[in-house]
């Protein structure tokens, strides 16, 4: 195959995958409930670093309209909401609220790809400590869950 044929095939494929719908719906489900945050600061830090994937208030970036990136964004949001969704507290049965502080403390959250495209979610050590403390005060600690 020559270079022109390969280039045409790549371009045609890139255009064709834009019509695959997964990840194109940018409507958020309704907010059913919201935590009683321990402070406005905890809520602000959570919204800055976590809410796009862990609430029904996702702000979709421009690149979330372009496949295959749109598929990755949709997958991450779907998975994030499944594990922890502060907009569904008391409604969603497997809401792992007490794991939230531990995930941040261990550096598991926010995930690295999110931090690359959302520099505002990159928390300083002091902000990270504030968020961890606030999440523990809001949701309780992991060990408290194990004691029950």
N, C-alpha and C. Protein backbone atom coordinates (compact mmCIF):
# COMPACT_ATOMS: atom_id res chain seq x y z
N UNK A 1 0.84 -1.18 0.00
CA UNK A 1 0.00 0.00 0.00
C UNK A 1 0.88 1.24 0.00
N UNK A 2 0.46 2.22 -0.73
CA UNK A 2 1.26 3.45 -0.76
C UNK A 2 0.83 4.41 0.35
N UNK A 3 1.61 5.43 0.55
CA UNK A 3 1.40 6.40 1.61
C UNK A 3 0.04 7.09 1.50
N UNK A 4 -0.39 7.44 0.29
CA UNK A 4 -1.67 8.12 0.11
C UNK A 4 -2.84 7.23 0.51
N UNK A 5 -2.77 5.97 0.17
CA UNK A 5 -3.84 5.03 0.51
C UNK A 5 -3.92 4.83 2.03
N UNK A 6 -2.77 4.72 2.68
CA UNK A 6 -2.74 4.55 4.14
C UNK A 6 -3.27 5.81 4.82
N UNK A 7 -2.84 6.95 4.35
CA UNK A 7 -3.30 8.23 4.92
C UNK A 7 -4.81 8.38 4.76
N UNK A 8 -5.31 8.04 3.60
CA UNK A 8 -6.76 8.13 3.35
C UNK A 8 -7.52 7.18 4.27
N UNK A 9 -7.01 5.99 4.45
CA UNK A 9 -7.66 5.01 5.33
C UNK A 9 -7.69 5.49 6.78
N UNK A 10 -6.58 6.08 7.22
CA UNK A 10 -6.51 6.60 8.59
C UNK A 10 -7.50 7.75 8.76
N UNK A 11 -7.53 8.66 7.83
CA UNK A 11 -8.44 9.80 7.92
C UNK A 11 -9.89 9.33 7.87
N UNK A 12 -10.19 8.43 6.98
CA UNK A 12 -11.55 7.90 6.86
C UNK A 12 -11.96 7.19 8.16
N UNK A 13 -11.05 6.44 8.74
CA UNK A 13 -11.34 5.75 10.01
C UNK A 13 -11.58 6.74 11.13
N UNK A 14 -10.75 7.79 11.20
CA UNK A 14 -10.90 8.81 12.24
C UNK A 14 -12.25 9.51 12.13
N UNK A 15 -12.70 9.77 10.92
CA UNK A 15 -14.01 10.39 10.71
C UNK A 15 -15.12 9.41 11.05
N UNK A 16 -14.97 8.16 10.62
CA UNK A 16 -16.02 7.16 10.84
C UNK A 16 -16.27 6.90 12.32
N UNK A 17 -15.22 6.86 13.14
CA UNK A 17 -15.43 6.55 14.56
C UNK A 17 -16.16 7.67 15.30
N UNK A 18 -16.24 8.84 14.71
CA UNK A 18 -16.97 9.93 15.35
C UNK A 18 -18.46 9.63 15.43
N UNK A 19 -18.93 8.69 14.63
CA UNK A 19 -20.35 8.36 14.61
C UNK A 19 -20.71 7.23 15.56
N UNK A 20 -19.73 6.69 16.26
CA UNK A 20 -20.00 5.67 17.26
C UNK A 20 -20.43 6.42 18.52
N UNK A 21 -21.64 6.19 19.02
CA UNK A 21 -22.24 7.06 20.02
C UNK A 21 -21.68 7.00 21.44
N UNK A 22 -21.00 5.97 21.86
CA UNK A 22 -20.57 5.85 23.25
C UNK A 22 -19.80 7.08 23.69
N UNK A 23 -20.28 7.70 24.74
CA UNK A 23 -19.59 8.86 25.29
C UNK A 23 -20.03 10.19 24.71
N UNK A 24 -21.00 10.20 23.83
CA UNK A 24 -21.43 11.46 23.21
C UNK A 24 -22.51 12.19 24.01
N UNK A 25 -23.24 11.48 24.87
CA UNK A 25 -24.32 12.10 25.62
C UNK A 25 -23.73 12.88 26.80
N UNK A 26 -23.84 14.18 26.74
CA UNK A 26 -23.26 15.02 27.78
C UNK A 26 -24.32 15.62 28.71
N UNK A 27 -25.37 14.87 28.92
CA UNK A 27 -26.36 15.32 29.89
C UNK A 27 -26.06 14.64 31.22
N UNK A 28 -26.17 15.38 32.28
CA UNK A 28 -25.95 14.84 33.61
C UNK A 28 -27.28 14.38 34.20
N UNK A 29 -27.27 13.23 34.89
CA UNK A 29 -28.49 12.85 35.61
C UNK A 29 -28.79 13.88 36.69
N UNK A 30 -30.01 13.90 37.18
CA UNK A 30 -30.33 14.88 38.23
C UNK A 30 -29.57 14.60 39.52
N UNK A 31 -29.32 15.64 40.28
CA UNK A 31 -28.72 15.52 41.60
C UNK A 31 -29.86 15.12 42.54
N UNK A 32 -29.74 13.94 43.14
CA UNK A 32 -30.78 13.42 44.02
C UNK A 32 -30.53 13.85 45.46
N UNK A 33 -29.27 13.88 45.85
CA UNK A 33 -28.91 14.31 47.20
C UNK A 33 -27.49 14.85 47.18
N UNK A 34 -27.12 15.50 48.26
CA UNK A 34 -25.77 16.03 48.37
C UNK A 34 -25.32 15.87 49.81
N UNK A 35 -24.03 15.63 50.01
CA UNK A 35 -23.55 15.45 51.39
C UNK A 35 -23.70 16.71 52.22
N UNK A 36 -23.71 16.52 53.50
CA UNK A 36 -23.61 17.63 54.44
C UNK A 36 -22.11 17.84 54.65
N UNK A 37 -21.51 18.63 53.77
CA UNK A 37 -20.06 18.84 53.82
C UNK A 37 -19.68 19.44 55.17
N UNK A 38 -18.53 19.04 55.68
CA UNK A 38 -18.07 19.57 56.96
C UNK A 38 -17.70 21.04 56.85
N UNK A 39 -17.36 21.49 55.62
CA UNK A 39 -17.01 22.90 55.41
C UNK A 39 -17.16 23.25 53.93
N UNK A 40 -17.25 24.54 53.69
CA UNK A 40 -17.30 25.01 52.29
C UNK A 40 -15.98 24.70 51.59
N UNK A 41 -14.89 24.71 52.34
CA UNK A 41 -13.56 24.42 51.76
C UNK A 41 -13.48 22.98 51.26
N UNK A 42 -14.00 22.02 52.02
CA UNK A 42 -14.00 20.63 51.57
C UNK A 42 -14.80 20.50 50.28
N UNK A 43 -15.95 21.13 50.25
CA UNK A 43 -16.79 21.08 49.04
C UNK A 43 -16.05 21.70 47.86
N UNK A 44 -15.37 22.83 48.08
CA UNK A 44 -14.63 23.49 47.00
C UNK A 44 -13.50 22.61 46.48
N UNK A 45 -12.75 21.99 47.37
CA UNK A 45 -11.65 21.11 46.96
C UNK A 45 -12.19 19.87 46.25
N UNK A 46 -13.28 19.30 46.76
CA UNK A 46 -13.90 18.14 46.12
C UNK A 46 -14.37 18.50 44.72
N UNK A 47 -15.04 19.65 44.60
CA UNK A 47 -15.53 20.07 43.28
C UNK A 47 -14.38 20.29 42.31
N UNK A 48 -13.28 20.81 42.78
CA UNK A 48 -12.12 21.09 41.94
C UNK A 48 -11.41 19.82 41.47
N UNK A 49 -11.30 18.83 42.35
CA UNK A 49 -10.49 17.67 42.05
C UNK A 49 -11.26 16.38 41.79
N UNK A 50 -12.53 16.32 42.18
CA UNK A 50 -13.23 15.04 42.17
C UNK A 50 -14.59 15.03 41.47
N UNK A 51 -15.29 16.15 41.48
CA UNK A 51 -16.71 16.17 41.11
C UNK A 51 -17.00 15.78 39.66
N UNK A 52 -16.07 16.02 38.75
CA UNK A 52 -16.35 15.68 37.35
C UNK A 52 -16.64 14.19 37.17
N UNK A 53 -16.01 13.34 37.97
CA UNK A 53 -16.23 11.89 37.86
C UNK A 53 -17.05 11.32 39.01
N UNK A 54 -17.20 12.06 40.10
CA UNK A 54 -17.84 11.50 41.28
C UNK A 54 -19.07 12.29 41.71
N UNK A 55 -19.77 12.87 40.72
CA UNK A 55 -21.04 13.54 40.98
C UNK A 55 -21.83 13.56 39.68
N UNK A 56 -23.04 14.04 39.75
CA UNK A 56 -23.86 14.22 38.55
C UNK A 56 -23.74 15.65 38.02
N UNK A 57 -22.62 16.29 38.32
CA UNK A 57 -22.39 17.67 37.90
C UNK A 57 -21.11 17.78 37.07
N UNK A 58 -20.93 16.84 36.17
CA UNK A 58 -19.74 16.80 35.33
C UNK A 58 -19.71 17.99 34.38
N UNK A 59 -18.54 18.60 34.28
CA UNK A 59 -18.29 19.64 33.28
C UNK A 59 -17.47 18.98 32.17
N UNK A 60 -18.09 18.81 31.03
CA UNK A 60 -17.45 18.10 29.92
C UNK A 60 -16.53 19.03 29.13
N UNK A 61 -15.26 18.66 29.00
CA UNK A 61 -14.32 19.47 28.21
C UNK A 61 -14.58 19.27 26.71
N UNK A 62 -14.05 20.18 25.92
CA UNK A 62 -14.26 20.13 24.47
C UNK A 62 -13.82 18.82 23.86
N UNK A 63 -12.73 18.24 24.36
CA UNK A 63 -12.19 17.01 23.76
C UNK A 63 -13.05 15.78 24.06
N UNK A 64 -14.03 15.94 24.95
CA UNK A 64 -14.91 14.81 25.23
C UNK A 64 -15.91 14.58 24.11
N UNK A 65 -15.84 15.38 23.06
CA UNK A 65 -16.68 15.21 21.89
C UNK A 65 -15.98 14.48 20.76
N UNK A 66 -14.71 14.13 20.96
CA UNK A 66 -13.91 13.55 19.88
C UNK A 66 -13.53 12.11 20.23
N UNK A 67 -14.03 11.17 19.41
CA UNK A 67 -13.67 9.77 19.59
C UNK A 67 -12.22 9.57 19.13
N UNK A 68 -11.48 8.71 19.75
CA UNK A 68 -11.80 7.77 20.82
C UNK A 68 -11.66 8.36 22.23
N UNK A 69 -11.22 9.61 22.35
CA UNK A 69 -11.08 10.23 23.67
C UNK A 69 -12.43 10.27 24.38
N UNK A 70 -13.50 10.53 23.64
CA UNK A 70 -14.83 10.60 24.25
C UNK A 70 -15.19 9.28 24.93
N UNK A 71 -14.73 8.17 24.37
CA UNK A 71 -15.02 6.87 24.96
C UNK A 71 -14.30 6.72 26.30
N UNK A 72 -13.06 7.18 26.36
CA UNK A 72 -12.29 7.10 27.61
C UNK A 72 -12.90 7.99 28.68
N UNK A 73 -13.29 9.20 28.31
CA UNK A 73 -13.91 10.13 29.25
C UNK A 73 -15.21 9.53 29.78
N UNK A 74 -16.05 9.02 28.89
CA UNK A 74 -17.32 8.42 29.31
C UNK A 74 -17.09 7.22 30.23
N UNK A 75 -16.11 6.41 29.90
CA UNK A 75 -15.80 5.24 30.74
C UNK A 75 -15.35 5.67 32.14
N UNK A 76 -14.46 6.66 32.20
CA UNK A 76 -13.96 7.12 33.51
C UNK A 76 -15.08 7.71 34.36
N UNK A 77 -15.97 8.47 33.74
CA UNK A 77 -17.09 9.06 34.47
C UNK A 77 -18.05 7.97 34.95
N UNK A 78 -18.34 7.03 34.07
CA UNK A 78 -19.23 5.93 34.42
C UNK A 78 -18.66 5.12 35.60
N UNK A 79 -17.40 4.79 35.52
CA UNK A 79 -16.74 4.03 36.58
C UNK A 79 -16.64 4.84 37.87
N UNK A 80 -16.31 6.12 37.75
CA UNK A 80 -16.20 6.97 38.92
C UNK A 80 -17.52 7.10 39.65
N UNK A 81 -18.59 7.34 38.90
CA UNK A 81 -19.92 7.47 39.52
C UNK A 81 -20.37 6.16 40.15
N UNK A 82 -19.99 5.05 39.55
CA UNK A 82 -20.38 3.74 40.08
C UNK A 82 -19.76 3.51 41.47
N UNK A 83 -18.52 3.96 41.65
CA UNK A 83 -17.82 3.74 42.92
C UNK A 83 -18.19 4.77 43.97
N UNK A 84 -18.32 6.02 43.57
CA UNK A 84 -18.66 7.10 44.49
C UNK A 84 -19.37 8.19 43.70
N UNK A 85 -20.59 8.48 44.10
CA UNK A 85 -21.35 9.55 43.46
C UNK A 85 -22.04 10.35 44.56
N UNK A 86 -21.48 11.51 44.86
CA UNK A 86 -22.03 12.33 45.95
C UNK A 86 -23.41 12.88 45.61
N UNK A 87 -23.82 12.80 44.36
CA UNK A 87 -25.15 13.26 43.96
C UNK A 87 -26.22 12.19 44.16
N UNK A 88 -25.80 11.01 44.61
CA UNK A 88 -26.72 9.89 44.78
C UNK A 88 -26.63 9.26 46.17
N UNK A 89 -26.18 10.04 47.16
CA UNK A 89 -26.03 9.51 48.51
C UNK A 89 -27.38 9.03 49.04
N UNK A 90 -27.38 7.85 49.61
CA UNK A 90 -28.61 7.28 50.15
C UNK A 90 -29.47 6.60 49.11
N UNK A 91 -29.14 6.74 47.85
CA UNK A 91 -29.92 6.15 46.77
C UNK A 91 -29.12 5.06 46.06
N UNK A 92 -27.89 5.35 45.77
CA UNK A 92 -27.00 4.41 45.08
C UNK A 92 -26.47 3.41 46.12
N UNK A 93 -26.73 2.12 45.92
CA UNK A 93 -26.40 1.15 46.97
C UNK A 93 -24.91 0.95 47.25
N UNK A 94 -24.05 1.07 46.29
CA UNK A 94 -22.63 0.79 46.50
C UNK A 94 -21.80 2.05 46.48
N UNK A 95 -22.22 3.07 47.18
CA UNK A 95 -21.51 4.34 47.22
C UNK A 95 -20.40 4.24 48.27
N UNK A 96 -19.17 4.16 47.82
CA UNK A 96 -18.03 3.93 48.72
C UNK A 96 -17.49 5.24 49.29
N UNK A 97 -18.31 5.94 50.05
CA UNK A 97 -17.92 7.26 50.56
C UNK A 97 -16.76 7.19 51.53
N UNK A 98 -16.69 6.15 52.33
CA UNK A 98 -15.63 6.08 53.34
C UNK A 98 -14.27 5.73 52.73
N UNK A 99 -14.25 5.31 51.49
CA UNK A 99 -12.97 5.03 50.81
C UNK A 99 -12.37 6.30 50.21
N UNK A 100 -13.14 7.36 50.12
CA UNK A 100 -12.72 8.56 49.39
C UNK A 100 -11.43 9.15 49.95
N UNK A 101 -11.36 9.37 51.24
CA UNK A 101 -10.17 9.99 51.84
C UNK A 101 -8.94 9.11 51.62
N UNK A 102 -9.10 7.80 51.78
CA UNK A 102 -7.99 6.87 51.61
C UNK A 102 -7.47 6.89 50.17
N UNK A 103 -8.37 6.97 49.21
CA UNK A 103 -7.98 7.01 47.79
C UNK A 103 -7.14 8.26 47.51
N UNK A 104 -7.53 9.39 48.08
CA UNK A 104 -6.78 10.63 47.89
C UNK A 104 -5.43 10.53 48.61
N UNK A 105 -5.46 10.02 49.83
CA UNK A 105 -4.24 9.91 50.63
C UNK A 105 -3.20 9.00 49.97
N UNK A 106 -3.65 7.93 49.34
CA UNK A 106 -2.74 6.98 48.70
C UNK A 106 -2.33 7.42 47.30
N UNK A 107 -2.84 8.56 46.84
CA UNK A 107 -2.49 9.06 45.52
C UNK A 107 -3.22 8.36 44.38
N UNK A 108 -4.24 7.59 44.71
CA UNK A 108 -5.02 6.89 43.69
C UNK A 108 -5.97 7.84 42.95
N UNK A 109 -6.36 8.90 43.64
CA UNK A 109 -7.28 9.88 43.08
C UNK A 109 -6.72 11.27 43.31
N UNK A 110 -6.96 12.16 42.39
CA UNK A 110 -7.47 11.97 41.03
C UNK A 110 -6.48 11.17 40.18
N UNK A 111 -7.02 10.49 39.18
CA UNK A 111 -6.19 9.64 38.33
C UNK A 111 -5.28 10.51 37.46
N UNK A 112 -4.08 10.02 37.17
CA UNK A 112 -3.10 10.81 36.39
C UNK A 112 -3.62 11.38 35.06
N UNK A 113 -4.36 10.62 34.24
CA UNK A 113 -4.85 11.24 32.98
C UNK A 113 -5.74 12.45 33.22
N UNK A 114 -6.51 12.43 34.30
CA UNK A 114 -7.36 13.58 34.63
C UNK A 114 -6.51 14.78 34.99
N UNK A 115 -5.45 14.55 35.76
CA UNK A 115 -4.57 15.65 36.18
C UNK A 115 -3.85 16.29 35.00
N UNK A 116 -3.56 15.51 33.98
CA UNK A 116 -2.88 16.05 32.80
C UNK A 116 -3.76 17.10 32.11
N UNK A 117 -5.03 16.81 32.02
CA UNK A 117 -5.94 17.70 31.30
C UNK A 117 -6.69 18.68 32.20
N UNK A 118 -6.55 18.53 33.50
CA UNK A 118 -7.22 19.41 34.47
C UNK A 118 -6.21 19.88 35.52
N UNK A 119 -5.36 20.81 35.17
CA UNK A 119 -4.33 21.26 36.13
C UNK A 119 -4.92 21.84 37.41
N UNK A 120 -6.13 22.35 37.37
CA UNK A 120 -6.77 22.88 38.56
C UNK A 120 -7.05 21.80 39.61
N UNK A 121 -7.07 20.54 39.18
CA UNK A 121 -7.32 19.43 40.10
C UNK A 121 -6.05 18.98 40.81
N UNK A 122 -4.92 19.49 40.39
CA UNK A 122 -3.64 19.15 41.02
C UNK A 122 -3.57 19.92 42.34
N UNK A 123 -3.68 19.19 43.44
CA UNK A 123 -3.72 19.81 44.76
C UNK A 123 -2.32 19.88 45.37
N UNK A 124 -2.06 20.96 46.07
CA UNK A 124 -0.81 21.06 46.82
C UNK A 124 -0.89 20.07 47.99
N UNK A 125 0.22 19.82 48.63
CA UNK A 125 0.21 18.91 49.78
C UNK A 125 -0.73 19.41 50.87
N UNK A 126 -0.73 20.72 51.10
CA UNK A 126 -1.62 21.30 52.12
C UNK A 126 -3.09 21.13 51.71
N UNK A 127 -3.41 21.36 50.44
CA UNK A 127 -4.79 21.20 49.96
C UNK A 127 -5.22 19.73 50.03
N UNK A 128 -4.31 18.84 49.69
CA UNK A 128 -4.59 17.41 49.75
C UNK A 128 -4.93 17.01 51.19
N UNK A 129 -4.15 17.51 52.14
CA UNK A 129 -4.39 17.22 53.57
C UNK A 129 -5.75 17.79 53.99
N UNK A 130 -6.06 19.00 53.55
CA UNK A 130 -7.36 19.61 53.86
C UNK A 130 -8.50 18.76 53.31
N UNK A 131 -8.35 18.30 52.07
CA UNK A 131 -9.39 17.48 51.44
C UNK A 131 -9.55 16.17 52.18
N UNK A 132 -8.45 15.51 52.50
CA UNK A 132 -8.52 14.23 53.23
C UNK A 132 -9.23 14.42 54.56
N UNK A 133 -8.81 15.42 55.32
CA UNK A 133 -9.45 15.70 56.61
C UNK A 133 -10.93 16.00 56.45
N UNK A 134 -11.25 16.80 55.45
CA UNK A 134 -12.65 17.16 55.20
C UNK A 134 -13.49 15.97 54.78
N UNK A 135 -12.93 15.09 53.94
CA UNK A 135 -13.67 13.89 53.52
C UNK A 135 -13.90 12.97 54.72
N UNK A 136 -12.90 12.84 55.58
CA UNK A 136 -13.06 12.00 56.77
C UNK A 136 -14.12 12.58 57.70
N UNK A 137 -14.15 13.89 57.85
CA UNK A 137 -15.17 14.52 58.70
C UNK A 137 -16.56 14.41 58.08
N UNK A 138 -16.62 14.49 56.76
CA UNK A 138 -17.91 14.42 56.07
C UNK A 138 -18.45 13.00 56.01
N UNK A 139 -17.59 12.03 55.66
CA UNK A 139 -18.05 10.67 55.41
C UNK A 139 -17.63 9.65 56.46
N UNK A 140 -16.68 10.00 57.32
CA UNK A 140 -16.13 9.04 58.27
C UNK A 140 -14.87 8.42 57.69
N UNK A 141 -14.20 7.64 58.51
CA UNK A 141 -12.95 7.00 58.10
C UNK A 141 -13.20 5.55 57.72
N UNK A 142 -12.29 5.02 56.90
CA UNK A 142 -12.37 3.62 56.46
C UNK A 142 -12.40 2.67 57.66
N UNK A 143 -11.53 2.88 58.67
CA UNK A 143 -11.50 1.97 59.81
C UNK A 143 -12.79 2.02 60.63
N UNK A 144 -13.50 3.15 60.61
CA UNK A 144 -14.78 3.24 61.30
C UNK A 144 -15.79 2.29 60.65
N UNK A 145 -15.71 2.18 59.34
CA UNK A 145 -16.60 1.27 58.61
C UNK A 145 -16.31 -0.17 59.00
N UNK A 146 -15.01 -0.51 59.12
CA UNK A 146 -14.62 -1.88 59.44
C UNK A 146 -15.02 -2.27 60.85
N UNK A 147 -15.07 -1.32 61.79
CA UNK A 147 -15.42 -1.61 63.17
C UNK A 147 -16.88 -1.96 63.33
N UNK A 148 -17.71 -1.48 62.42
CA UNK A 148 -19.16 -1.71 62.53
C UNK A 148 -19.57 -3.06 62.05
